[in-house]
Amino acid sequence: MGIAERVDGLLAAGTAPGLHGLVVVRDGRVVLERYGDGEDFRLGEPLGHVRFGPDVLHDVRSVTKSVVALLYGMALGDGLVPGPGEPLLPAFPAYADLAEGREGLTVEHALTMTLGLDWNENVPYTSTANSELAMEAAPDRYRYVLERPVVEEPGKRWHYCGGASALLGRLIADGAGVPLEEFARERLFGPLGMPFEWTANGGVVLAAAGLRLRPRDMAGLGSLVLDGGRGLVPEWWIGEMLRPRVEISEGFAYGYQWYVSPGQWVGATGNGGQRIVVVPERRLVVALTAGEYDAAEQSSAAVALEEVLKED
């Protein structure tokens, strides 16, 4: 049984009720594309019942973080941002008063989410008890991140942190001299012909979660990664970005804002079932969108992905 038969059977059985979109690309060619319908949101804003299709943008939530990593690599290649080994606080001179006790923080600690700061995203993304929501509610999101208490040695342990991505977005914008979304439009989405929206708060886009893309273009970004950046993103950066840097659990690691299962796949993941999965050995890219935001069980994308990844 092929991919299409397996996926169609899954959808007919109602086993993935929250699935909104699925695009599968093999060797640069779309081999499967499916869309559904359902209630949807732009972050916390209800969009009502949406019928999805090839040209409908969808929240990608924290897949945004992985796109920011691509943008950082492009900016780094142009010498616009400090390198991973450079100290972090000097890049934020407005917050020099916070430097004491944080002298050891580097840009790499932000890229790998190993800042060692007090940060909690284990509560729902509907409450400011969640550190990412508290960051966006704060008068100054960057001060909010950088003033978090240091609770462990940086670089030792992965701890999920949207604030790290916010810092990277600020580095890119400052270095490029244009807002993050303009840099993205000029250097990435424009050349690739990809429409996008990027939700902002206080006039600044959310580097941790604000992007809206078409599933086809999510797959396109996965293909770009699979193909080594195609000269648009430096090839050396793709290699650095996807190298396992810190273990999350056995067989599961984090690179630079990308998840890595060594020897198997690399990927980007967002709340509700948003995923880009790249399987290099099979020349396979899978993009999924779903609407199970903040749900205790976010299984629709997972079960669909499982069917896609089975060997034909």
Protein backbone atom coordinates (compact mmCIF):
# COMPACT_ATOMS: atom_id res chain seq x y z
CA MET A 1 0.00 0.00 0.00
CA GLY A 2 1.39 3.39 -1.00
CA ILE A 3 1.46 6.68 0.88
CA ALA A 4 -1.73 7.99 -0.72
CA GLU A 5 -3.72 4.89 0.13
CA ARG A 6 -2.50 4.86 3.70
CA VAL A 7 -3.22 8.55 4.28
CA ASP A 8 -6.62 8.43 2.60
CA GLY A 9 -7.55 5.45 4.74
CA LEU A 10 -6.49 7.34 7.83
CA LEU A 11 -8.58 10.35 6.88
CA ALA A 12 -11.61 8.24 5.98
CA ALA A 13 -11.42 6.53 9.37
CA GLY A 14 -11.37 9.89 11.17
CA THR A 15 -8.16 8.98 12.98
CA ALA A 16 -6.62 12.41 12.37
CA PRO A 17 -9.60 14.74 12.93
CA GLY A 18 -7.49 17.85 13.57
CA LEU A 19 -5.37 17.59 10.42
CA HIS A 20 -5.62 20.70 8.24
CA GLY A 21 -2.96 20.13 5.61
CA LEU A 22 -0.39 17.61 4.44
CA VAL A 23 2.20 17.93 1.69
CA VAL A 24 4.74 15.21 0.89
CA VAL A 25 7.70 15.90 -1.40
CA ARG A 26 10.06 13.22 -2.66
CA ASP A 27 13.10 14.07 -4.78
CA GLY A 28 11.78 17.60 -5.22
CA ARG A 29 8.37 16.51 -6.52
CA VAL A 30 5.04 16.75 -4.69
CA VAL A 31 3.76 13.17 -4.38
CA LEU A 32 0.83 13.81 -2.02
CA GLU A 33 -1.24 16.82 -1.01
CA ARG A 34 -4.33 16.70 1.20
CA TYR A 35 -6.40 19.39 2.93
CA GLY A 36 -9.23 19.40 5.45
CA ASP A 37 -11.33 21.96 7.26
CA GLY A 38 -11.98 23.02 10.84
CA GLU A 39 -11.87 25.76 13.41
CA ASP A 40 -8.68 27.77 13.22
CA PHE A 41 -6.86 30.60 14.95
CA ARG A 42 -4.20 33.22 14.30
CA LEU A 43 -2.39 32.76 17.59
CA GLY A 44 -5.22 33.61 20.03
CA GLU A 45 -7.53 35.22 17.45
CA PRO A 46 -10.39 32.97 16.28
CA LEU A 47 -10.70 32.68 12.50
CA GLY A 48 -13.87 30.60 12.53
CA HIS A 49 -14.41 27.52 10.40
CA VAL A 50 -11.84 27.45 7.60
CA ARG A 51 -11.74 25.27 4.50
CA PHE A 52 -8.04 24.76 3.84
CA GLY A 53 -6.40 24.49 0.45
CA PRO A 54 -3.13 25.06 -1.41
CA ASP A 55 -3.26 28.86 -1.12
CA VAL A 56 -4.49 29.20 2.48
CA LEU A 57 -1.92 30.47 4.98
CA HIS A 58 -1.75 28.65 8.30
CA ASP A 59 -0.15 29.43 11.65
CA VAL A 60 3.10 27.48 11.92
CA ARG A 61 3.61 28.49 15.55
CA SER A 62 7.07 27.41 16.75
CA VAL A 63 8.16 26.28 13.31
CA THR A 64 8.87 30.03 13.20
CA LYS A 65 11.90 29.41 15.42
CA SER A 66 13.46 27.14 12.82
CA VAL A 67 12.85 29.71 10.08
CA VAL A 68 14.58 32.30 12.26
CA ALA A 69 17.58 29.95 12.40
CA LEU A 70 17.73 30.01 8.59
CA LEU A 71 17.58 33.81 8.64
CA TYR A 72 20.29 33.99 11.28
CA GLY A 73 22.55 31.84 9.11
CA MET A 74 21.97 34.12 6.14
CA ALA A 75 22.76 37.18 8.25
CA LEU A 76 25.84 35.45 9.67
CA GLY A 77 27.07 34.68 6.17
CA ASP A 78 26.85 38.40 5.42
CA GLY A 79 28.69 39.35 8.60
CA LEU A 80 25.65 41.13 10.03
CA VAL A 81 25.33 39.27 13.33
CA PRO A 82 27.77 37.99 15.96
CA GLY A 83 28.79 34.35 15.54
CA PRO A 84 27.60 31.54 17.80
CA GLY A 85 30.71 31.71 19.95
CA GLU A 86 30.41 35.44 20.60
CA PRO A 87 29.17 36.76 23.97
CA LEU A 88 25.45 37.54 23.99
CA LEU A 89 25.07 40.55 26.26
CA PRO A 90 27.37 42.93 24.32
CA ALA A 91 24.98 42.56 21.39
CA PHE A 92 22.30 44.15 23.61
CA PRO A 93 24.03 47.30 24.88
CA ALA A 94 20.76 48.80 26.12
CA TYR A 95 20.73 46.09 28.79
CA ALA A 96 24.30 46.46 30.04
CA ASP A 97 22.93 46.71 33.58
CA LEU A 98 22.03 43.00 33.34
CA ALA A 99 25.50 41.81 32.40
CA GLU A 100 26.65 40.82 35.90
CA GLY A 101 26.35 37.07 36.33
CA ARG A 102 25.54 36.60 32.63
CA GLU A 103 29.01 37.21 31.21
CA GLY A 104 29.26 33.58 30.08
CA LEU A 105 26.15 33.66 27.90
CA THR A 106 26.87 33.28 24.18
CA VAL A 107 24.77 33.47 21.04
CA GLU A 108 25.10 29.69 20.80
CA HIS A 109 23.31 29.33 24.12
CA ALA A 110 20.35 31.10 22.53
CA LEU A 111 20.58 28.99 19.36
CA THR A 112 20.56 25.76 21.39
CA MET A 113 18.13 26.89 24.12
CA THR A 114 20.72 26.26 26.81
CA LEU A 115 20.72 29.74 28.37
CA GLY A 116 20.34 28.38 31.89
CA LEU A 117 17.71 31.02 32.73
CA ASP A 118 14.53 30.58 34.74
CA TRP A 119 11.93 29.90 32.03
CA ASN A 120 8.70 27.88 32.02
CA GLU A 121 6.63 27.00 28.96
CA ASN A 122 5.13 23.89 30.53
CA VAL A 123 1.84 25.61 31.26
CA PRO A 124 -0.79 26.44 28.57
CA TYR A 125 -0.08 29.20 26.06
CA THR A 126 -3.18 30.99 27.31
CA SER A 127 -1.74 32.29 30.58
CA THR A 128 1.06 34.65 31.52
CA ALA A 129 2.24 31.94 33.89
CA ASN A 130 3.77 30.71 30.64
CA SER A 131 7.06 32.56 30.18
CA GLU A 132 6.56 33.15 26.46
CA LEU A 133 3.18 34.79 27.10
CA ALA A 134 4.69 36.78 29.98
CA MET A 135 7.47 37.93 27.65
CA GLU A 136 4.95 39.23 25.13
CA ALA A 137 2.93 40.94 27.88
CA ALA A 138 6.02 42.68 29.29
CA PRO A 139 6.82 46.31 28.41
CA ASP A 140 10.16 45.18 26.93
CA ARG A 141 10.34 41.56 25.79
CA TYR A 142 14.14 41.54 25.50
CA ARG A 143 14.69 42.90 28.99
CA TYR A 144 12.18 40.37 30.26
CA VAL A 145 14.25 37.52 28.79
CA LEU A 146 17.66 38.78 29.78
CA GLU A 147 16.71 39.62 33.36
CA ARG A 148 15.42 36.10 34.11
CA PRO A 149 17.38 34.64 37.02
CA VAL A 150 20.28 32.37 36.12
CA VAL A 151 19.37 28.97 37.57
CA GLU A 152 22.02 26.71 36.05
CA GLU A 153 25.27 26.81 34.10
CA PRO A 154 24.66 27.84 30.49
CA GLY A 155 25.27 25.21 27.84
CA LYS A 156 24.59 22.20 30.03
CA ARG A 157 20.91 21.43 29.51
CA TRP A 158 18.27 22.04 26.84
CA HIS A 159 15.29 23.91 28.23
CA TYR A 160 12.57 25.03 25.82
CA CYS A 161 12.66 28.82 25.60
CA GLY A 162 10.84 31.07 23.16
CA GLY A 163 12.78 33.94 24.63
CA ALA A 164 15.95 32.56 23.04
CA SER A 165 14.32 32.87 19.62
CA ALA A 166 13.16 36.42 20.40
CA LEU A 167 16.77 37.37 21.12
CA LEU A 168 17.91 35.87 17.81
CA GLY A 169 15.24 37.79 15.93
CA ARG A 170 16.45 41.01 17.52
CA LEU A 171 20.06 40.24 16.59
CA ILE A 172 19.05 39.78 12.95
CA ALA A 173 16.95 42.94 12.83
CA ASP A 174 19.66 45.03 14.49
CA GLY A 175 22.39 43.65 12.26
CA ALA A 176 20.42 43.99 9.04
CA GLY A 177 19.09 47.42 9.95
CA VAL A 178 15.55 46.46 8.91
CA PRO A 179 12.68 44.72 10.72
CA LEU A 180 12.96 40.94 10.86
CA GLU A 181 10.02 40.43 8.48
CA GLU A 182 11.62 42.74 5.90
CA PHE A 183 14.87 40.81 6.01
CA ALA A 184 12.87 37.60 5.62
CA ARG A 185 10.94 39.03 2.66
CA GLU A 186 14.02 40.35 0.89
CA ARG A 187 16.34 37.42 1.47
CA LEU A 188 14.20 34.28 1.86
CA PHE A 189 10.50 34.41 1.08
CA GLY A 190 10.73 36.86 -1.81
CA PRO A 191 13.38 34.93 -3.78
CA LEU A 192 11.44 31.70 -3.18
CA GLY A 193 8.11 33.25 -4.20
CA MET A 194 6.49 32.39 -0.88
CA PRO A 195 3.66 34.56 0.48
CA PHE A 196 3.66 34.91 4.24
CA GLU A 197 2.22 36.80 7.17
CA TRP A 198 4.00 37.41 10.45
CA THR A 199 2.00 38.33 13.52
CA ALA A 200 3.37 41.28 15.47
CA ASN A 201 3.04 42.55 19.02
CA GLY A 202 3.84 46.19 19.70
CA GLY A 203 4.97 46.63 16.10
CA VAL A 204 7.57 43.84 16.32
CA VAL A 205 6.96 40.39 14.86
CA LEU A 206 7.06 37.37 17.13
CA ALA A 207 10.24 35.47 16.35
CA ALA A 208 9.13 32.55 18.52
CA ALA A 209 5.74 31.80 16.98
CA GLY A 210 4.22 34.38 14.64
CA LEU A 211 4.67 33.10 11.09
CA ARG A 212 1.83 32.04 8.78
CA LEU A 213 2.75 30.00 5.71
CA ARG A 214 1.16 27.69 3.15
CA PRO A 215 1.88 23.98 3.71
CA ARG A 216 3.42 23.86 0.22
CA ASP A 217 5.90 26.51 1.29
CA MET A 218 6.64 24.76 4.56
CA ALA A 219 7.58 21.77 2.42
CA GLY A 220 9.57 24.14 0.20
CA LEU A 221 11.63 25.27 3.18
CA GLY A 222 12.22 21.64 4.12
CA SER A 223 13.40 20.98 0.56
CA LEU A 224 15.69 23.99 0.76
CA VAL A 225 17.27 22.48 3.87
CA LEU A 226 17.49 19.05 2.23
CA ASP A 227 19.27 20.59 -0.76
CA GLY A 228 21.89 22.36 1.35
CA GLY A 229 20.43 25.84 1.02
CA ARG A 230 20.74 26.05 -2.78
CA GLY A 231 23.07 29.02 -2.45
CA LEU A 232 20.35 31.07 -0.78
CA VAL A 233 21.24 29.89 2.72
CA PRO A 234 24.96 29.11 3.13
CA GLU A 235 25.51 25.38 2.81
CA TRP A 236 28.00 25.40 5.67
CA TRP A 237 25.33 26.93 7.87
CA ILE A 238 22.82 24.17 7.07
CA GLY A 239 25.40 21.67 8.28
CA GLU A 240 26.10 23.62 11.46
CA MET A 241 22.41 24.21 12.13
CA LEU A 242 21.50 20.53 11.89
CA ARG A 243 24.40 19.13 13.88
CA PRO A 244 23.19 17.64 17.18
CA ARG A 245 24.32 20.05 19.91
CA VAL A 246 22.47 19.03 23.05
CA GLU A 247 20.59 15.85 23.93
CA ILE A 248 16.90 16.19 24.75
CA SER A 249 16.32 12.48 25.27
CA GLU A 250 17.82 9.26 23.98
CA GLY A 251 18.05 9.43 20.19
CA PHE A 252 16.59 12.94 20.14
CA ALA A 253 18.65 16.11 20.11
CA TYR A 254 18.60 19.83 19.34
CA GLY A 255 20.78 21.66 16.86
CA TYR A 256 20.42 25.36 16.20
CA GLN A 257 16.64 25.84 16.60
CA TRP A 258 16.00 22.54 14.76
CA TYR A 259 15.24 19.12 16.22
CA VAL A 260 17.49 16.26 15.17
CA SER A 261 17.08 12.50 15.33
CA PRO A 262 20.64 11.58 14.37
CA GLY A 263 20.84 9.48 11.21
CA GLN A 264 17.06 9.58 10.73
CA TRP A 265 15.43 12.99 10.34
CA VAL A 266 15.60 16.69 11.16
CA GLY A 267 12.58 18.82 11.80
CA ALA A 268 10.68 21.84 13.00
CA THR A 269 7.65 21.60 15.27
CA GLY A 270 4.87 23.96 16.36
CA ASN A 271 1.98 23.89 18.82
CA GLY A 272 -1.15 22.22 17.49
CA GLY A 273 0.54 19.85 15.07
CA GLN A 274 2.62 22.09 12.77
CA ARG A 275 5.62 20.21 11.41
CA ILE A 276 8.34 20.16 8.82
CA VAL A 277 10.16 16.82 8.72
CA VAL A 278 13.14 16.14 6.47
CA VAL A 279 14.39 12.57 5.94
CA PRO A 280 17.68 12.97 4.05
CA GLU A 281 18.34 9.31 3.27
CA ARG A 282 14.94 8.98 1.59
CA ARG A 283 15.02 12.44 -0.06
CA LEU A 284 11.68 12.98 1.63
CA VAL A 285 10.10 16.15 3.04
CA VAL A 286 6.78 16.23 4.92
CA ALA A 287 4.85 19.36 5.92
CA LEU A 288 1.82 19.14 8.20
CA THR A 289 -0.61 21.65 9.68
CA ALA A 290 -3.27 20.92 12.26
CA GLY A 291 -5.61 22.70 14.64
CA GLU A 292 -5.05 20.99 17.97
CA TYR A 293 -3.57 24.12 19.57
CA ASP A 294 -2.93 23.84 23.31
CA ALA A 295 -4.70 20.46 23.43
CA ALA A 296 -3.45 17.82 25.84
CA GLU A 297 -3.38 15.38 22.93
CA GLN A 298 -2.01 16.70 19.63
CA SER A 299 -2.03 13.39 17.80
CA SER A 300 -3.48 14.16 14.36
CA ALA A 301 -0.20 15.28 12.80
CA ALA A 302 1.70 12.50 14.56
CA VAL A 303 -0.51 9.68 13.26
CA ALA A 304 -0.52 11.15 9.75
CA LEU A 305 3.26 11.45 9.80
CA GLU A 306 3.57 7.85 10.96
CA GLU A 307 1.60 6.67 7.91
CA VAL A 308 3.66 8.80 5.55
CA LEU A 309 6.97 7.55 6.89
CA LYS A 310 6.15 3.87 6.60
CA GLU A 311 8.17 2.18 3.89
CA ASP A 312 6.17 1.58 0.71
